[in-house]
C-alpha atoms as a PDB file:
ATOM      1  CA  UNK A   1       6.855 -13.705   2.524  1.00  0.00           C
ATOM      2  CA  UNK A   2       5.010 -12.679  -0.620  1.00  0.00           C
ATOM      3  CA  UNK A   3       2.565  -9.781  -0.382  1.00  0.00           C
ATOM      4  CA  UNK A   4       0.116  -8.856  -3.121  1.00  0.00           C
ATOM      5  CA  UNK A   5      -1.084  -5.824  -5.061  1.00  0.00           C
ATOM      6  CA  UNK A   6      -4.516  -5.805  -6.753  1.00  0.00           C
ATOM      7  CA  UNK A   7      -4.538  -3.823 -10.008  1.00  0.00           C
ATOM      8  CA  UNK A   8      -6.319  -3.110 -13.245  1.00  0.00           C
ATOM      9  CA  UNK A   9      -4.888  -5.019 -16.193  1.00  0.00           C
ATOM     10  CA  UNK A  10      -3.289  -1.849 -17.620  1.00  0.00           C
ATOM     11  CA  UNK A  11      -1.653  -0.895 -14.314  1.00  0.00           C
ATOM     12  CA  UNK A  12      -0.409  -4.434 -13.746  1.00  0.00           C
ATOM     13  CA  UNK A  13       1.110  -4.485 -17.211  1.00  0.00           C
ATOM     14  CA  UNK A  14       3.015  -1.262 -16.499  1.00  0.00           C
ATOM     15  CA  UNK A  15       4.419  -2.704 -13.274  1.00  0.00           C
ATOM     16  CA  UNK A  16       5.626  -5.804 -15.114  1.00  0.00           C
ATOM     17  CA  UNK A  17       7.138  -3.743 -17.936  1.00  0.00           C
ATOM     18  CA  UNK A  18       8.847  -1.112 -15.773  1.00  0.00           C
ATOM     19  CA  UNK A  19       9.588  -3.279 -12.710  1.00  0.00           C
ATOM     20  CA  UNK A  20       8.375  -0.491 -10.416  1.00  0.00           C
ATOM     21  CA  UNK A  21       5.603   0.017  -7.858  1.00  0.00           C
ATOM     22  CA  UNK A  22       3.676   3.164  -6.937  1.00  0.00           C
ATOM     23  CA  UNK A  23       3.429   5.040  -3.624  1.00  0.00           C
ATOM     24  CA  UNK A  24       0.458   7.374  -3.095  1.00  0.00           C
ATOM     25  CA  UNK A  25      -0.042  10.290  -0.718  1.00  0.00           C
ATOM     26  CA  UNK A  26      -2.790   9.799   1.905  1.00  0.00           C
ATOM     27  CA  UNK A  27      -4.553  13.015   0.876  1.00  0.00           C
ATOM     28  CA  UNK A  28      -5.463  11.254  -2.393  1.00  0.00           C
ATOM     29  CA  UNK A  29      -6.865   8.086  -0.777  1.00  0.00           C
ATOM     30  CA  UNK A  30     -10.553   7.238  -1.120  1.00  0.00           C
ATOM     31  CA  UNK A  31     -10.909   6.809   2.653  1.00  0.00           C
ATOM     32  CA  UNK A  32     -11.534  10.184   4.391  1.00  0.00           C
ATOM     33  CA  UNK A  33     -10.611   8.646   7.763  1.00  0.00           C
ATOM     34  CA  UNK A  34      -6.887   8.381   6.961  1.00  0.00           C
ATOM     35  CA  UNK A  35      -4.816   9.812   9.855  1.00  0.00           C
ATOM     36  CA  UNK A  36      -7.959  10.523  11.893  1.00  0.00           C
ATOM     37  CA  UNK A  37      -6.558   8.514  14.811  1.00  0.00           C
ATOM     38  CA  UNK A  38      -3.245  10.371  14.700  1.00  0.00           C
ATOM     39  CA  UNK A  39      -3.735  12.875  17.496  1.00  0.00           C
ATOM     40  CA  UNK A  40      -6.063  12.367  20.491  1.00  0.00           C
ATOM     41  CA  UNK A  41      -8.532  15.170  21.074  1.00  0.00           C
ATOM     42  CA  UNK A  42      -7.699  17.626  23.817  1.00  0.00           C
ATOM     43  CA  UNK A  43     -10.843  18.884  25.527  1.00  0.00           C
ATOM     44  CA  UNK A  44     -10.604  22.319  27.115  1.00  0.00           C
ATOM     45  CA  UNK A  45     -14.221  23.161  27.857  1.00  0.00           C
ATOM     46  CA  UNK A  46     -13.275  26.252  29.872  1.00  0.00           C
ATOM     47  CA  UNK A  47     -10.820  27.577  27.313  1.00  0.00           C
ATOM     48  CA  UNK A  48     -12.459  27.774  23.845  1.00  0.00           C
ATOM     49  CA  UNK A  49      -9.636  29.902  22.401  1.00  0.00           C
ATOM     50  CA  UNK A  50      -7.094  27.245  23.310  1.00  0.00           C
ATOM     51  CA  UNK A  51      -9.316  24.559  21.764  1.00  0.00           C
ATOM     52  CA  UNK A  52      -9.529  26.481  18.476  1.00  0.00           C
ATOM     53  CA  UNK A  53      -5.781  26.949  18.199  1.00  0.00           C
ATOM     54  CA  UNK A  54      -5.116  23.353  19.244  1.00  0.00           C
ATOM     55  CA  UNK A  55      -7.504  22.151  16.534  1.00  0.00           C
ATOM     56  CA  UNK A  56      -5.744  24.271  13.896  1.00  0.00           C
ATOM     57  CA  UNK A  57      -2.354  22.974  15.038  1.00  0.00           C
ATOM     58  CA  UNK A  58      -3.474  19.349  14.738  1.00  0.00           C
ATOM     59  CA  UNK A  59      -5.059  19.989  11.328  1.00  0.00           C
ATOM     60  CA  UNK A  60      -1.754  21.463  10.124  1.00  0.00           C
ATOM     61  CA  UNK A  61       0.211  18.445  11.356  1.00  0.00           C
ATOM     62  CA  UNK A  62      -2.160  16.007   9.654  1.00  0.00           C
ATOM     63  CA  UNK A  63      -1.954  17.876   6.342  1.00  0.00           C
ATOM     64  CA  UNK A  64       1.860  17.923   6.538  1.00  0.00           C
ATOM     65  CA  UNK A  65       1.934  14.149   7.071  1.00  0.00           C
ATOM     66  CA  UNK A  66      -0.558  13.603   4.238  1.00  0.00           C
ATOM     67  CA  UNK A  67       1.423  15.701   1.742  1.00  0.00           C
ATOM     68  CA  UNK A  68       4.892  14.425   2.687  1.00  0.00           C
ATOM     69  CA  UNK A  69       4.146  10.705   2.962  1.00  0.00           C
ATOM     70  CA  UNK A  70       3.906   7.927   0.396  1.00  0.00           C
ATOM     71  CA  UNK A  71       2.077   4.693   1.194  1.00  0.00           C
ATOM     72  CA  UNK A  72       2.160   1.377  -0.631  1.00  0.00           C
ATOM     73  CA  UNK A  73      -0.844  -0.781   0.238  1.00  0.00           C
ATOM     74  CA  UNK A  74      -0.380  -4.537  -0.080  1.00  0.00           C
ATOM     75  CA  UNK A  75      -2.320  -7.561   1.152  1.00  0.00           C
ATOM     76  CA  UNK A  76      -1.632 -11.103   2.302  1.00  0.00           C
ATOM     77  CA  UNK A  77      -4.337 -12.715   0.172  1.00  0.00           C
ATOM     78  CA  UNK A  78      -4.293 -12.987  -3.662  1.00  0.00           C
ATOM     79  CA  UNK A  79      -7.695 -14.691  -4.001  1.00  0.00           C
ATOM     80  CA  UNK A  80     -10.108 -12.371  -2.198  1.00  0.00           C
ATOM     81  CA  UNK A  81     -13.262 -12.056  -4.385  1.00  0.00           C
ATOM     82  CA  UNK A  82     -14.166  -8.640  -2.938  1.00  0.00           C
ATOM     83  CA  UNK A  83     -10.709  -7.273  -3.660  1.00  0.00           C
ATOM     84  CA  UNK A  84     -10.885  -8.609  -7.212  1.00  0.00           C
ATOM     85  CA  UNK A  85     -14.240  -6.882  -7.670  1.00  0.00           C
ATOM     86  CA  UNK A  86     -13.204  -3.562  -6.107  1.00  0.00           C
ATOM     87  CA  UNK A  87      -9.633  -3.105  -7.315  1.00  0.00           C
ATOM     88  CA  UNK A  88      -9.269  -5.296 -10.402  1.00  0.00           C
ATOM     89  CA  UNK A  89     -12.079  -4.035 -12.627  1.00  0.00           C
ATOM     90  CA  UNK A  90     -14.576  -6.739 -11.658  1.00  0.00           C
ATOM     91  CA  UNK A  91     -12.067  -9.561 -12.092  1.00  0.00           C
ATOM     92  CA  UNK A  92     -10.649  -8.220 -15.392  1.00  0.00           C
ATOM     93  CA  UNK A  93      -7.309  -7.162 -13.896  1.00  0.00           C
ATOM     94  CA  UNK A  94      -4.405  -8.920 -12.258  1.00  0.00           C
ATOM     95  CA  UNK A  95      -2.711  -9.422  -8.902  1.00  0.00           C
ATOM     96  CA  UNK A  96       1.051  -9.150  -8.554  1.00  0.00           C
ATOM     97  CA  UNK A  97       2.934 -10.894  -5.743  1.00  0.00           C
ATOM     98  CA  UNK A  98       6.124  -9.208  -4.507  1.00  0.00           C
ATOM     99  CA  UNK A  99       8.840 -10.464  -2.162  1.00  0.00           C
ATOM    100  CA  UNK A 100       8.267  -8.326   0.938  1.00  0.00           C
ATOM    101  CA  UNK A 101      11.779  -8.960   2.285  1.00  0.00           C
ATOM    102  CA  UNK A 102      13.459  -6.685  -0.279  1.00  0.00           C
ATOM    103  CA  UNK A 103      15.500  -3.839   1.185  1.00  0.00           C
ATOM    104  CA  UNK A 104      13.222  -1.245  -0.447  1.00  0.00           C
ATOM    105  CA  UNK A 105      10.350  -2.448   1.782  1.00  0.00           C
ATOM    106  CA  UNK A 106      12.066  -3.828   4.878  1.00  0.00           C
ATOM    107  CA  UNK A 107      14.984  -1.479   5.606  1.00  0.00           C
ATOM    108  CA  UNK A 108      14.603   0.575   8.775  1.00  0.00           C
ATOM    109  CA  UNK A 109      16.979   3.184   7.336  1.00  0.00           C
ATOM    110  CA  UNK A 110      14.827   4.251   4.363  1.00  0.00           C
ATOM    111  CA  UNK A 111      11.267   3.545   5.504  1.00  0.00           C
ATOM    112  CA  UNK A 112       9.189   5.505   7.991  1.00  0.00           C
ATOM    113  CA  UNK A 113       7.312   2.239   8.591  1.00  0.00           C
ATOM    114  CA  UNK A 114       9.020  -0.865   7.151  1.00  0.00           C
ATOM    115  CA  UNK A 115       6.793  -3.659   5.904  1.00  0.00           C
ATOM    116  CA  UNK A 116       7.449  -5.888   8.940  1.00  0.00           C
ATOM    117  CA  UNK A 117       5.764  -3.249  11.142  1.00  0.00           C
ATOM    118  CA  UNK A 118       3.096  -2.292   8.621  1.00  0.00           C
ATOM    119  CA  UNK A 119       0.136  -4.550   9.456  1.00  0.00           C
ATOM    120  CA  UNK A 120      -3.003  -2.431   9.511  1.00  0.00           C
ATOM    121  CA  UNK A 121      -4.992  -2.397  12.769  1.00  0.00           C
ATOM    122  CA  UNK A 122      -8.775  -2.567  12.339  1.00  0.00           C
ATOM    123  CA  UNK A 123     -11.077  -1.290  15.106  1.00  0.00           C
ATOM    124  CA  UNK A 124     -14.779  -0.571  15.537  1.00  0.00           C
ATOM    125  CA  UNK A 125     -14.064   2.576  17.517  1.00  0.00           C
ATOM    126  CA  UNK A 126     -11.516   5.272  16.836  1.00  0.00           C
ATOM    127  CA  UNK A 127      -8.731   5.215  19.456  1.00  0.00           C
ATOM    128  CA  UNK A 128      -8.998   8.464  21.418  1.00  0.00           C
ATOM    129  CA  UNK A 129      -6.915   7.774  24.515  1.00  0.00           C
ATOM    130  CA  UNK A 130      -3.613   9.539  25.066  1.00  0.00           C
ATOM    131  CA  UNK A 131      -0.518   7.691  23.911  1.00  0.00           C
ATOM    132  CA  UNK A 132       1.025   5.374  26.485  1.00  0.00           C
ATOM    133  CA  UNK A 133       4.602   5.574  25.196  1.00  0.00           C
ATOM    134  CA  UNK A 134       6.834   8.481  26.229  1.00  0.00           C
ATOM    135  CA  UNK A 135       9.670   8.674  23.667  1.00  0.00           C
ATOM    136  CA  UNK A 136      12.712  10.722  24.552  1.00  0.00           C
ATOM    137  CA  UNK A 137      13.476  11.603  20.931  1.00  0.00           C
ATOM    138  CA  UNK A 138      11.346  13.761  18.649  1.00  0.00           C
ATOM    139  CA  UNK A 139       9.440  12.663  15.538  1.00  0.00           C
ATOM    140  CA  UNK A 140       9.695  15.268  12.790  1.00  0.00           C
ATOM    141  CA  UNK A 141       6.238  15.910  11.346  1.00  0.00           C
ATOM    142  CA  UNK A 142       6.296  14.920   7.686  1.00  0.00           C
ATOM    143  CA  UNK A 143      10.078  14.657   7.662  1.00  0.00           C
ATOM    144  CA  UNK A 144      10.947  11.317   9.240  1.00  0.00           C
ATOM    145  CA  UNK A 145      12.734   9.166   6.656  1.00  0.00           C
ATOM    146  CA  UNK A 146      13.890   6.302   8.893  1.00  0.00           C
ATOM    147  CA  UNK A 147      12.000   4.058  11.291  1.00  0.00           C
ATOM    148  CA  UNK A 148      12.065   5.111  14.954  1.00  0.00           C
ATOM    149  CA  UNK A 149      10.917   2.115  17.063  1.00  0.00           C
ATOM    150  CA  UNK A 150      10.203   4.154  20.183  1.00  0.00           C
ATOM    151  CA  UNK A 151       7.603   6.099  18.167  1.00  0.00           C
ATOM    152  CA  UNK A 152       5.814   2.969  16.924  1.00  0.00           C
ATOM    153  CA  UNK A 153       2.616   3.786  18.828  1.00  0.00           C
ATOM    154  CA  UNK A 154       2.430   7.242  17.217  1.00  0.00           C
ATOM    155  CA  UNK A 155       3.211   5.835  13.782  1.00  0.00           C
ATOM    156  CA  UNK A 156       0.486   3.217  14.165  1.00  0.00           C
ATOM    157  CA  UNK A 157      -2.010   5.954  15.062  1.00  0.00           C
ATOM    158  CA  UNK A 158      -0.879   7.970  12.065  1.00  0.00           C
ATOM    159  CA  UNK A 159      -0.890   5.353   9.339  1.00  0.00           C
ATOM    160  CA  UNK A 160      -2.092   1.929  10.490  1.00  0.00           C
ATOM    161  CA  UNK A 161      -5.453   2.377  12.230  1.00  0.00           C
ATOM    162  CA  UNK A 162      -8.488   1.862   9.991  1.00  0.00           C
ATOM    163  CA  UNK A 163     -12.235   1.235  10.485  1.00  0.00           C
ATOM    164  CA  UNK A 164     -13.253  -2.397  10.918  1.00  0.00           C
ATOM    165  CA  UNK A 165     -15.256  -2.324   7.674  1.00  0.00           C
ATOM    166  CA  UNK A 166     -11.946  -2.464   5.764  1.00  0.00           C
ATOM    167  CA  UNK A 167     -10.695  -5.585   7.548  1.00  0.00           C
ATOM    168  CA  UNK A 168     -11.465  -7.851   4.587  1.00  0.00           C
ATOM    169  CA  UNK A 169      -8.465  -6.299   2.831  1.00  0.00           C
ATOM    170  CA  UNK A 170      -5.887  -7.763   5.291  1.00  0.00           C
ATOM    171  CA  UNK A 171      -3.722  -4.789   4.425  1.00  0.00           C
ATOM    172  CA  UNK A 172       0.002  -4.426   5.045  1.00  0.00           C
ATOM    173  CA  UNK A 173       1.639  -1.066   4.357  1.00  0.00           C
ATOM    174  CA  UNK A 174       5.061   0.296   3.516  1.00  0.00           C
ATOM    175  CA  UNK A 175       5.318   3.962   4.502  1.00  0.00           C
ATOM    176  CA  UNK A 176       7.985   6.286   3.105  1.00  0.00           C
ATOM    177  CA  UNK A 177       8.748   9.952   3.649  1.00  0.00           C
ATOM    178  CA  UNK A 178       8.452  11.993   0.430  1.00  0.00           C
ATOM    179  CA  UNK A 179       9.600  15.328   1.791  1.00  0.00           C
ATOM    180  CA  UNK A 180      11.347  17.318  -0.939  1.00  0.00           C
ATOM    181  CA  UNK A 181      10.337  14.993  -3.765  1.00  0.00           C
ATOM    182  CA  UNK A 182       8.809  17.856  -5.779  1.00  0.00           C
ATOM    183  CA  UNK A 183      12.310  19.266  -6.326  1.00  0.00           C
ATOM    184  CA  UNK A 184      14.389  16.070  -6.361  1.00  0.00           C
ATOM    185  CA  UNK A 185      13.145  12.556  -7.098  1.00  0.00           C
ATOM    186  CA  UNK A 186      16.261  11.044  -5.494  1.00  0.00           C
ATOM    187  CA  UNK A 187      15.598  11.312  -1.762  1.00  0.00           C
ATOM    188  CA  UNK A 188      16.566   9.317   1.324  1.00  0.00           C
ATOM    189  CA  UNK A 189      13.535   7.032   0.868  1.00  0.00           C
ATOM    190  CA  UNK A 190      14.705   5.952  -2.595  1.00  0.00           C
ATOM    191  CA  UNK A 191      14.822   7.014  -6.237  1.00  0.00           C
ATOM    192  CA  UNK A 192      11.404   7.684  -7.715  1.00  0.00           C
ATOM    193  CA  UNK A 193       9.833   8.647 -11.003  1.00  0.00           C
ATOM    194  CA  UNK A 194       6.503  10.473 -11.126  1.00  0.00           C
ATOM    195  CA  UNK A 195       3.378   9.453 -13.012  1.00  0.00           C
ATOM    196  CA  UNK A 196       0.235  11.568 -13.279  1.00  0.00           C
ATOM    197  CA  UNK A 197      -2.895   9.502 -12.594  1.00  0.00           C
ATOM    198  CA  UNK A 198      -6.105  11.463 -13.129  1.00  0.00           C
ATOM    199  CA  UNK A 199      -4.521  14.664 -11.849  1.00  0.00           C
ATOM    200  CA  UNK A 200      -2.770  13.167  -8.837  1.00  0.00           C
ATOM    201  CA  UNK A 201       0.886  12.126  -8.565  1.00  0.00           C
ATOM    202  CA  UNK A 202       1.924   8.496  -8.195  1.00  0.00           C
ATOM    203  CA  UNK A 203       5.553   8.029  -7.171  1.00  0.00           C
ATOM    204  CA  UNK A 204       7.099   4.953  -8.763  1.00  0.00           C
ATOM    205  CA  UNK A 205       9.869   3.114  -6.937  1.00  0.00           C
ATOM    206  CA  UNK A 206      12.121   0.780  -8.913  1.00  0.00           C
ATOM    207  CA  UNK A 207      12.067  -2.813  -7.683  1.00  0.00           C
ATOM    208  CA  UNK A 208      15.181  -5.017  -7.602  1.00  0.00           C
ATOM    209  CA  UNK A 209      15.459  -7.733 -10.221  1.00  0.00           C
ATOM    210  CA  UNK A 210      13.503 -10.824  -9.218  1.00  0.00           C
ATOM    211  CA  UNK A 211      11.297  -9.078  -6.618  1.00  0.00           C
ATOM    212  CA  UNK A 212       8.103  -9.963  -8.489  1.00  0.00           C
ATOM    213  CA  UNK A 213       7.395 -13.605  -7.687  1.00  0.00           C
ATOM    214  CA  UNK A 214       3.798 -14.285  -8.807  1.00  0.00           C
ATOM    215  CA  UNK A 215       1.180 -12.939 -11.204  1.00  0.00           C
ATOM    216  CA  UNK A 216      -2.526 -13.836 -11.199  1.00  0.00           C
ATOM    217  CA  UNK A 217      -4.881 -13.190 -14.110  1.00  0.00           C
ATOM    218  CA  UNK A 218      -8.501 -12.384 -13.331  1.00  0.00           C
ATOM    219  CA  UNK A 219     -11.142 -14.915 -14.320  1.00  0.00           C
ATOM    220  CA  UNK A 220     -12.777 -12.353 -16.643  1.00  0.00           C
ATOM    221  CA  UNK A 221      -9.626 -11.593 -18.622  1.00  0.00           C
ATOM    222  CA  UNK A 222      -9.280 -13.132 -22.081  1.00  0.00           C
ATOM    223  CA  UNK A 223      -6.611 -15.510 -20.739  1.00  0.00           C
ATOM    224  CA  UNK A 224      -9.117 -18.331 -20.511  1.00  0.00           C
ATOM    225  CA  UNK A 225     -10.699 -17.824 -23.928  1.00  0.00           C
ATOM    226  CA  UNK A 226      -8.223 -20.130 -25.648  1.00  0.00           C
ATOM    227  CA  UNK A 227      -4.954 -21.965 -25.179  1.00  0.00           C
ATOM    228  CA  UNK A 228      -3.311 -19.367 -27.377  1.00  0.00           C
ATOM    229  CA  UNK A 229      -4.450 -16.510 -25.140  1.00  0.00           C
ATOM    230  CA  UNK A 230      -3.162 -18.398 -22.114  1.00  0.00           C
ATOM    231  CA  UNK A 231       0.222 -19.068 -23.704  1.00  0.00           C
ATOM    232  CA  UNK A 232       0.504 -15.432 -24.791  1.00  0.00           C
ATOM    233  CA  UNK A 233      -0.177 -14.208 -21.261  1.00  0.00           C
ATOM    234  CA  UNK A 234       2.421 -16.530 -19.750  1.00  0.00           C
ATOM    235  CA  UNK A 235       4.973 -15.496 -22.391  1.00  0.00           C
ATOM    236  CA  UNK A 236       4.250 -11.832 -21.766  1.00  0.00           C
ATOM    237  CA  UNK A 237       4.677 -12.120 -17.989  1.00  0.00           C
ATOM    238  CA  UNK A 238       7.830 -14.243 -18.090  1.00  0.00           C
ATOM    239  CA  UNK A 239       9.253 -12.089 -20.865  1.00  0.00           C
ATOM    240  CA  UNK A 240       9.131  -9.039 -18.614  1.00  0.00           C
ATOM    241  CA  UNK A 241       9.754 -10.932 -15.367  1.00  0.00           C
ATOM    242  CA  UNK A 242      11.760 -14.147 -15.917  1.00  0.00           C
ATOM    243  CA  UNK A 243      11.217 -16.799 -13.267  1.00  0.00           C
ATOM    244  CA  UNK A 244       7.853 -15.430 -12.134  1.00  0.00           C
ATOM    245  CA  UNK A 245       5.088 -17.973 -11.463  1.00  0.00           C
ATOM    246  CA  UNK A 246       1.918 -17.347 -13.477  1.00  0.00           C
ATOM    247  CA  UNK A 247      -1.556 -18.261 -12.258  1.00  0.00           C
ATOM    248  CA  UNK A 248      -5.153 -17.763 -13.233  1.00  0.00           C
ATOM    249  CA  UNK A 249      -8.269 -17.648 -11.070  1.00  0.00           C
ATOM    250  CA  UNK A 250     -11.271 -19.931 -11.229  1.00  0.00           C
ATOM    251  CA  UNK A 251     -14.421 -20.416  -9.164  1.00  0.00           C
ATOM    252  CA  UNK A 252     -14.397 -23.133  -6.510  1.00  0.00           C
ATOM    253  CA  UNK A 253     -16.866 -25.960  -7.003  1.00  0.00           C
ATOM    254  CA  UNK A 254     -17.582 -26.360  -3.296  1.00  0.00           C
ATOM    255  CA  UNK A 255     -17.459 -22.858  -1.750  1.00  0.00           C
ATOM    256  CA  UNK A 256     -17.961 -19.155  -2.448  1.00  0.00           C
ATOM    257  CA  UNK A 257     -14.299 -18.628  -3.114  1.00  0.00           C
ATOM    258  CA  UNK A 258     -11.654 -18.435  -5.803  1.00  0.00           C
ATOM    259  CA  UNK A 259      -8.931 -20.963  -6.413  1.00  0.00           C
ATOM    260  CA  UNK A 260      -5.724 -20.556  -8.320  1.00  0.00           C
ATOM    261  CA  UNK A 261      -4.803 -22.445 -11.461  1.00  0.00           C
ATOM    262  CA  UNK A 262      -1.194 -22.728 -12.610  1.00  0.00           C
ATOM    263  CA  UNK A 263      -0.892 -21.410 -16.162  1.00  0.00           C
ATOM    264  CA  UNK A 264       2.835 -21.967 -16.536  1.00  0.00           C
ATOM    265  CA  UNK A 265       2.668 -25.748 -16.250  1.00  0.00           C
ATOM    266  CA  UNK A 266       1.863 -28.307 -18.951  1.00  0.00           C
END
């Protein structure tokens, strides 16, 4: 299955050139509700001291997860007008489609949450009930490099629950542990390089050859200004990523939606 990443034109170009994709730490996300479903509240009305210390303990766990975790956010849909407006510079960027079955995304040995378990769960209300599962093994806070199926419920609470207002994104995540990456970029999750983006680190993971399957140009790029611009875009994409299909976006005549147009066909 192909999953998609919405990007500015400049960021998309770097991915095509370097054949790598970036993982971000949750503490840098624009959504302040990240990890807010992670730990159910424990109410001790008759013991305020306990409640204070419990709250500090949970805060510390959340911050450890946020600092030591890298998340790649993908989506199932390459033609979502809202996504193009929000993440692709008002339709001036591009969308890149990646084979989600690659080992870097799907392996249970190197991913805290592999892509096949990474569908985001959207709810109107924050889940506050105690966890139903009772794992026998422990889950190291901020230090779990491999997937532990018996802890799936906890991992979903940590990284996959989001408010319903985000449901239009149809998000699928790959979650990797980044513990120790400040000292060594070669960790159990993979080999990364670091890029500074407006004062925050973005950890770039190298993709295997042929992982990028599709590229879409936004309808407000210069691709559609002339046949020459179109040919140049196709040549640029296939030059960096041979065998990749190249599409453009156009407005549907019959609905409020986008449709794709093949640019790599005569």
